[in-house]
């Protein structure tokens, strides 16, 4: 199953990239780390439910993320 997540910085701004697509059906948790398709690396700081509008567009959740150097 493919799952999409909206990425947001702790400041409230969209991350770049703004979406992460998981085609491995991973059970993601806070503090997990992942690499976006552009190669950037991130850590999940918080996981919020997707607002109804985004859920209707196929998003599972909004991840609050912090970049990893």
PDB file of N, CA and C in Angstrom:
ATOM      1  N   UNK A   1       0.838  -1.184   0.000  1.00  0.00           N
ATOM      2  CA  UNK A   1       0.000   0.000   0.000  1.00  0.00           C
ATOM      3  C   UNK A   1       0.879   1.242   0.000  1.00  0.00           C
ATOM      4  N   UNK A   2       0.552   2.183  -0.817  1.00  0.00           N
ATOM      5  CA  UNK A   2       1.296   3.442  -0.882  1.00  0.00           C
ATOM      6  C   UNK A   2       0.618   4.450   0.039  1.00  0.00           C
ATOM      7  N   UNK A   3       1.430   5.101   0.885  1.00  0.00           N
ATOM      8  CA  UNK A   3       0.916   6.107   1.822  1.00  0.00           C
ATOM      9  C   UNK A   3       1.654   7.419   1.598  1.00  0.00           C
ATOM     10  N   UNK A   4       0.903   8.520   1.664  1.00  0.00           N
ATOM     11  CA  UNK A   4       1.484   9.856   1.482  1.00  0.00           C
ATOM     12  C   UNK A   4       1.380  10.646   2.775  1.00  0.00           C
ATOM     13  N   UNK A   5       2.426  11.410   3.058  1.00  0.00           N
ATOM     14  CA  UNK A   5       2.487  12.226   4.268  1.00  0.00           C
ATOM     15  C   UNK A   5       2.869  13.645   3.903  1.00  0.00           C
ATOM     16  N   UNK A   6       2.173  14.607   4.484  1.00  0.00           N
ATOM     17  CA  UNK A   6       2.514  16.008   4.305  1.00  0.00           C
ATOM     18  C   UNK A   6       3.630  16.339   5.282  1.00  0.00           C
ATOM     19  N   UNK A   7       4.679  17.020   4.827  1.00  0.00           N
ATOM     20  CA  UNK A   7       5.820  17.360   5.684  1.00  0.00           C
ATOM     21  C   UNK A   7       5.774  18.834   6.046  1.00  0.00           C
ATOM     22  N   UNK A   8       5.902  19.110   7.332  1.00  0.00           N
ATOM     23  CA  UNK A   8       5.850  20.477   7.830  1.00  0.00           C
ATOM     24  C   UNK A   8       6.986  20.684   8.820  1.00  0.00           C
ATOM     25  N   UNK A   9       7.625  21.832   8.743  1.00  0.00           N
ATOM     26  CA  UNK A   9       8.688  22.172   9.687  1.00  0.00           C
ATOM     27  C   UNK A   9       8.079  22.573  11.029  1.00  0.00           C
ATOM     28  N   UNK A  10       8.887  22.586  12.066  1.00  0.00           N
ATOM     29  CA  UNK A  10       8.413  22.977  13.395  1.00  0.00           C
ATOM     30  C   UNK A  10       7.940  24.428  13.423  1.00  0.00           C
ATOM     31  N   UNK A  11       8.385  25.237  12.481  1.00  0.00           N
ATOM     32  CA  UNK A  11       7.967  26.641  12.389  1.00  0.00           C
ATOM     33  C   UNK A  11       6.571  26.783  11.789  1.00  0.00           C
ATOM     34  N   UNK A  12       6.019  25.687  11.256  1.00  0.00           N
ATOM     35  CA  UNK A  12       4.713  25.732  10.614  1.00  0.00           C
ATOM     36  C   UNK A  12       4.786  25.836   9.101  1.00  0.00           C
ATOM     37  N   UNK A  13       5.986  26.071   8.576  1.00  0.00           N
ATOM     38  CA  UNK A  13       6.164  26.164   7.133  1.00  0.00           C
ATOM     39  C   UNK A  13       6.239  24.767   6.509  1.00  0.00           C
ATOM     40  N   UNK A  14       5.921  24.706   5.211  1.00  0.00           N
ATOM     41  CA  UNK A  14       6.089  23.447   4.490  1.00  0.00           C
ATOM     42  C   UNK A  14       7.567  23.101   4.408  1.00  0.00           C
ATOM     43  N   UNK A  15       7.858  21.822   4.529  1.00  0.00           N
ATOM     44  CA  UNK A  15       9.232  21.359   4.312  1.00  0.00           C
ATOM     45  C   UNK A  15       9.469  21.280   2.803  1.00  0.00           C
ATOM     46  N   UNK A  16      10.701  21.142   2.409  1.00  0.00           N
ATOM     47  CA  UNK A  16      11.042  20.986   0.997  1.00  0.00           C
ATOM     48  C   UNK A  16      11.872  19.724   0.862  1.00  0.00           C
ATOM     49  N   UNK A  17      11.285  18.653   0.393  1.00  0.00           N
ATOM     50  CA  UNK A  17       9.993  18.509  -0.274  1.00  0.00           C
ATOM     51  C   UNK A  17       8.843  18.545   0.733  1.00  0.00           C
ATOM     52  N   UNK A  18       7.642  18.832   0.233  1.00  0.00           N
ATOM     53  CA  UNK A  18       6.468  18.995   1.083  1.00  0.00           C
ATOM     54  C   UNK A  18       5.697  17.693   1.288  1.00  0.00           C
ATOM     55  N   UNK A  19       6.054  16.658   0.529  1.00  0.00           N
ATOM     56  CA  UNK A  19       5.330  15.383   0.610  1.00  0.00           C
ATOM     57  C   UNK A  19       6.333  14.233   0.625  1.00  0.00           C
ATOM     58  N   UNK A  20       6.042  13.233   1.440  1.00  0.00           N
ATOM     59  CA  UNK A  20       6.808  11.993   1.442  1.00  0.00           C
ATOM     60  C   UNK A  20       5.861  10.866   1.062  1.00  0.00           C
ATOM     61  N   UNK A  21       6.254  10.044   0.119  1.00  0.00           N
ATOM     62  CA  UNK A  21       5.460   8.899  -0.315  1.00  0.00           C
ATOM     63  C   UNK A  21       6.190   7.625   0.112  1.00  0.00           C
ATOM     64  N   UNK A  22       5.497   6.807   0.890  1.00  0.00           N
ATOM     65  CA  UNK A  22       6.059   5.553   1.403  1.00  0.00           C
ATOM     66  C   UNK A  22       5.420   4.396   0.648  1.00  0.00           C
ATOM     67  N   UNK A  23       6.213   3.710  -0.137  1.00  0.00           N
ATOM     68  CA  UNK A  23       5.677   2.559  -0.876  1.00  0.00           C
ATOM     69  C   UNK A  23       6.027   1.237  -0.196  1.00  0.00           C
ATOM     70  N   UNK A  24       6.571   1.308   1.027  1.00  0.00           N
ATOM     71  CA  UNK A  24       6.937   0.102   1.777  1.00  0.00           C
ATOM     72  C   UNK A  24       5.956  -0.208   2.903  1.00  0.00           C
ATOM     73  N   UNK A  25       4.948   0.663   3.127  1.00  0.00           N
ATOM     74  CA  UNK A  25       3.940   0.469   4.166  1.00  0.00           C
ATOM     75  C   UNK A  25       4.584   0.341   5.546  1.00  0.00           C
ATOM     76  N   UNK A  26       5.468   1.273   5.866  1.00  0.00           N
ATOM     77  CA  UNK A  26       6.197   1.294   7.132  1.00  0.00           C
ATOM     78  C   UNK A  26       5.314   1.818   8.258  1.00  0.00           C
ATOM     79  N   UNK A  27       5.474   1.311   9.456  1.00  0.00           N
ATOM     80  CA  UNK A  27       4.772   1.813  10.644  1.00  0.00           C
ATOM     81  C   UNK A  27       5.645   2.910  11.259  1.00  0.00           C
ATOM     82  N   UNK A  28       5.415   4.135  10.862  1.00  0.00           N
ATOM     83  CA  UNK A  28       6.255   5.260  11.270  1.00  0.00           C
ATOM     84  C   UNK A  28       5.910   5.731  12.675  1.00  0.00           C
ATOM     85  N   UNK A  29       6.956   6.172  13.408  1.00  0.00           N
ATOM     86  CA  UNK A  29       6.798   6.683  14.763  1.00  0.00           C
ATOM     87  C   UNK A  29       7.646   7.932  14.941  1.00  0.00           C
ATOM     88  N   UNK A  30       7.353   8.675  15.989  1.00  0.00           N
ATOM     89  CA  UNK A  30       8.148   9.855  16.327  1.00  0.00           C
ATOM     90  C   UNK A  30       9.596   9.423  16.552  1.00  0.00           C
ATOM     91  N   UNK A  31      10.526  10.222  16.075  1.00  0.00           N
ATOM     92  CA  UNK A  31      11.979  10.015  16.129  1.00  0.00           C
ATOM     93  C   UNK A  31      12.498   9.131  15.006  1.00  0.00           C
ATOM     94  N   UNK A  32      11.621   8.540  14.192  1.00  0.00           N
ATOM     95  CA  UNK A  32      12.094   7.798  13.020  1.00  0.00           C
ATOM     96  C   UNK A  32      12.763   8.761  12.047  1.00  0.00           C
ATOM     97  N   UNK A  33      13.716   8.237  11.306  1.00  0.00           N
ATOM     98  CA  UNK A  33      14.445   9.018  10.301  1.00  0.00           C
ATOM     99  C   UNK A  33      14.158   8.438   8.929  1.00  0.00           C
ATOM    100  N   UNK A  34      14.146   9.325   7.935  1.00  0.00           N
ATOM    101  CA  UNK A  34      13.876   8.878   6.575  1.00  0.00           C
ATOM    102  C   UNK A  34      14.589   9.789   5.588  1.00  0.00           C
ATOM    103  N   UNK A  35      14.770   9.277   4.390  1.00  0.00           N
ATOM    104  CA  UNK A  35      15.364  10.062   3.305  1.00  0.00           C
ATOM    105  C   UNK A  35      14.285  10.308   2.256  1.00  0.00           C
ATOM    106  N   UNK A  36      14.120  11.561   1.879  1.00  0.00           N
ATOM    107  CA  UNK A  36      13.167  11.923   0.831  1.00  0.00           C
ATOM    108  C   UNK A  36      13.751  11.529  -0.525  1.00  0.00           C
ATOM    109  N   UNK A  37      12.929  11.561  -1.534  1.00  0.00           N
ATOM    110  CA  UNK A  37      13.386  11.164  -2.872  1.00  0.00           C
ATOM    111  C   UNK A  37      14.494  12.050  -3.411  1.00  0.00           C
ATOM    112  N   UNK A  38      14.572  13.303  -2.916  1.00  0.00           N
ATOM    113  CA  UNK A  38      15.642  14.198  -3.375  1.00  0.00           C
ATOM    114  C   UNK A  38      16.951  13.967  -2.617  1.00  0.00           C
ATOM    115  N   UNK A  39      16.955  13.002  -1.678  1.00  0.00           N
ATOM    116  CA  UNK A  39      18.160  12.681  -0.914  1.00  0.00           C
ATOM    117  C   UNK A  39      18.256  13.390   0.424  1.00  0.00           C
ATOM    118  N   UNK A  40      17.390  14.367   0.667  1.00  0.00           N
ATOM    119  CA  UNK A  40      17.435  15.070   1.955  1.00  0.00           C
ATOM    120  C   UNK A  40      16.995  14.109   3.057  1.00  0.00           C
ATOM    121  N   UNK A  41      17.592  14.311   4.235  1.00  0.00           N
ATOM    122  CA  UNK A  41      17.309  13.407   5.358  1.00  0.00           C
ATOM    123  C   UNK A  41      16.565  14.174   6.442  1.00  0.00           C
ATOM    124  N   UNK A  42      15.588  13.496   7.071  1.00  0.00           N
ATOM    125  CA  UNK A  42      14.696  14.121   8.032  1.00  0.00           C
ATOM    126  C   UNK A  42      14.456  13.220   9.233  1.00  0.00           C
ATOM    127  N   UNK A  43      14.038  13.853  10.334  1.00  0.00           N
ATOM    128  CA  UNK A  43      13.603  13.139  11.535  1.00  0.00           C
ATOM    129  C   UNK A  43      12.169  13.566  11.829  1.00  0.00           C
ATOM    130  N   UNK A  44      11.315  12.620  12.179  1.00  0.00           N
ATOM    131  CA  UNK A  44       9.927  12.918  12.522  1.00  0.00           C
ATOM    132  C   UNK A  44       9.878  13.394  13.966  1.00  0.00           C
ATOM    133  N   UNK A  45       9.375  14.615  14.176  1.00  0.00           N
ATOM    134  CA  UNK A  45       9.291  15.222  15.505  1.00  0.00           C
ATOM    135  C   UNK A  45       7.904  14.990  16.116  1.00  0.00           C
ATOM    136  N   UNK A  46       6.880  15.026  15.284  1.00  0.00           N
ATOM    137  CA  UNK A  46       5.501  14.804  15.736  1.00  0.00           C
ATOM    138  C   UNK A  46       4.691  14.284  14.554  1.00  0.00           C
ATOM    139  N   UNK A  47       3.608  13.609  14.876  1.00  0.00           N
ATOM    140  CA  UNK A  47       2.710  13.093  13.845  1.00  0.00           C
ATOM    141  C   UNK A  47       1.303  13.562  14.193  1.00  0.00           C
ATOM    142  N   UNK A  48       0.708  14.328  13.276  1.00  0.00           N
ATOM    143  CA  UNK A  48      -0.648  14.831  13.464  1.00  0.00           C
ATOM    144  C   UNK A  48      -1.574  14.167  12.451  1.00  0.00           C
ATOM    145  N   UNK A  49      -2.828  13.906  12.835  1.00  0.00           N
ATOM    146  CA  UNK A  49      -3.762  13.342  11.867  1.00  0.00           C
ATOM    147  C   UNK A  49      -3.929  14.293  10.682  1.00  0.00           C
ATOM    148  N   UNK A  50      -4.146  13.728   9.525  1.00  0.00           N
ATOM    149  CA  UNK A  50      -4.386  14.559   8.345  1.00  0.00           C
ATOM    150  C   UNK A  50      -5.739  15.249   8.501  1.00  0.00           C
ATOM    151  N   UNK A  51      -5.808  16.556   8.193  1.00  0.00           N
ATOM    152  CA  UNK A  51      -7.109  17.225   8.204  1.00  0.00           C
ATOM    153  C   UNK A  51      -8.038  16.536   7.201  1.00  0.00           C
ATOM    154  N   UNK A  52      -9.351  16.596   7.417  1.00  0.00           N
ATOM    155  CA  UNK A  52     -10.294  15.897   6.538  1.00  0.00           C
ATOM    156  C   UNK A  52     -10.076  16.164   5.046  1.00  0.00           C
ATOM    157  N   UNK A  53      -9.777  17.403   4.685  1.00  0.00           N
ATOM    158  CA  UNK A  53      -9.565  17.721   3.267  1.00  0.00           C
ATOM    159  C   UNK A  53      -8.372  16.948   2.705  1.00  0.00           C
ATOM    160  N   UNK A  54      -7.272  16.901   3.455  1.00  0.00           N
ATOM    161  CA  UNK A  54      -6.088  16.177   2.989  1.00  0.00           C
ATOM    162  C   UNK A  54      -6.302  14.672   3.037  1.00  0.00           C
ATOM    163  N   UNK A  55      -7.009  14.204   4.041  1.00  0.00           N
ATOM    164  CA  UNK A  55      -7.313  12.769   4.119  1.00  0.00           C
ATOM    165  C   UNK A  55      -8.118  12.358   2.889  1.00  0.00           C
ATOM    166  N   UNK A  56      -9.023  13.228   2.460  1.00  0.00           N
ATOM    167  CA  UNK A  56      -9.806  12.953   1.267  1.00  0.00           C
ATOM    168  C   UNK A  56      -8.968  12.901   0.006  1.00  0.00           C
ATOM    169  N   UNK A  57      -7.791  13.537   0.051  1.00  0.00           N
ATOM    170  CA  UNK A  57      -6.864  13.521  -1.085  1.00  0.00           C
ATOM    171  C   UNK A  57      -5.844  12.392  -0.956  1.00  0.00           C
ATOM    172  N   UNK A  58      -5.977  11.553   0.082  1.00  0.00           N
ATOM    173  CA  UNK A  58      -5.117  10.385   0.222  1.00  0.00           C
ATOM    174  C   UNK A  58      -3.962  10.521   1.197  1.00  0.00           C
ATOM    175  N   UNK A  59      -3.881  11.618   1.936  1.00  0.00           N
ATOM    176  CA  UNK A  59      -2.798  11.772   2.912  1.00  0.00           C
ATOM    177  C   UNK A  59      -3.137  11.048   4.204  1.00  0.00           C
ATOM    178  N   UNK A  60      -2.160  10.325   4.752  1.00  0.00           N
ATOM    179  CA  UNK A  60      -2.336   9.587   6.001  1.00  0.00           C
ATOM    180  C   UNK A  60      -2.219  10.502   7.222  1.00  0.00           C
ATOM    181  N   UNK A  61      -1.235  11.425   7.186  1.00  0.00           N
ATOM    182  CA  UNK A  61      -0.949  12.265   8.345  1.00  0.00           C
ATOM    183  C   UNK A  61      -0.066  13.432   7.917  1.00  0.00           C
ATOM    184  N   UNK A  62       0.064  14.381   8.828  1.00  0.00           N
ATOM    185  CA  UNK A  62       1.045  15.449   8.681  1.00  0.00           C
ATOM    186  C   UNK A  62       2.190  15.131   9.627  1.00  0.00           C
ATOM    187  N   UNK A  63       3.387  15.076   9.081  1.00  0.00           N
ATOM    188  CA  UNK A  63       4.572  14.871   9.900  1.00  0.00           C
ATOM    189  C   UNK A  63       5.234  16.219  10.148  1.00  0.00           C
ATOM    190  N   UNK A  64       5.501  16.516  11.413  1.00  0.00           N
ATOM    191  CA  UNK A  64       6.333  17.661  11.766  1.00  0.00           C
ATOM    192  C   UNK A  64       7.754  17.108  11.744  1.00  0.00           C
ATOM    193  N   UNK A  65       8.609  17.733  10.945  1.00  0.00           N
ATOM    194  CA  UNK A  65       9.947  17.152  10.721  1.00  0.00           C
ATOM    195  C   UNK A  65      11.059  18.161  10.991  1.00  0.00           C
ATOM    196  N   UNK A  66      12.228  17.632  11.260  1.00  0.00           N
ATOM    197  CA  UNK A  66      13.438  18.427  11.427  1.00  0.00           C
ATOM    198  C   UNK A  66      14.496  17.866  10.476  1.00  0.00           C
ATOM    199  N   UNK A  67      15.210  18.747   9.771  1.00  0.00           N
ATOM    200  CA  UNK A  67      16.240  18.254   8.856  1.00  0.00           C
ATOM    201  C   UNK A  67      17.410  17.649   9.625  1.00  0.00           C
ATOM    202  N   UNK A  68      18.013  16.631   9.035  1.00  0.00           N
ATOM    203  CA  UNK A  68      19.236  16.033   9.572  1.00  0.00           C
ATOM    204  C   UNK A  68      20.399  16.494   8.721  1.00  0.00           C
ATOM    205  N   UNK A  69      21.473  16.847   9.350  1.00  0.00           N
ATOM    206  CA  UNK A  69      22.662  17.300   8.587  1.00  0.00           C
ATOM    207  C   UNK A  69      23.573  16.162   8.258  1.00  0.00           C
TER     208      UNK A  69
END
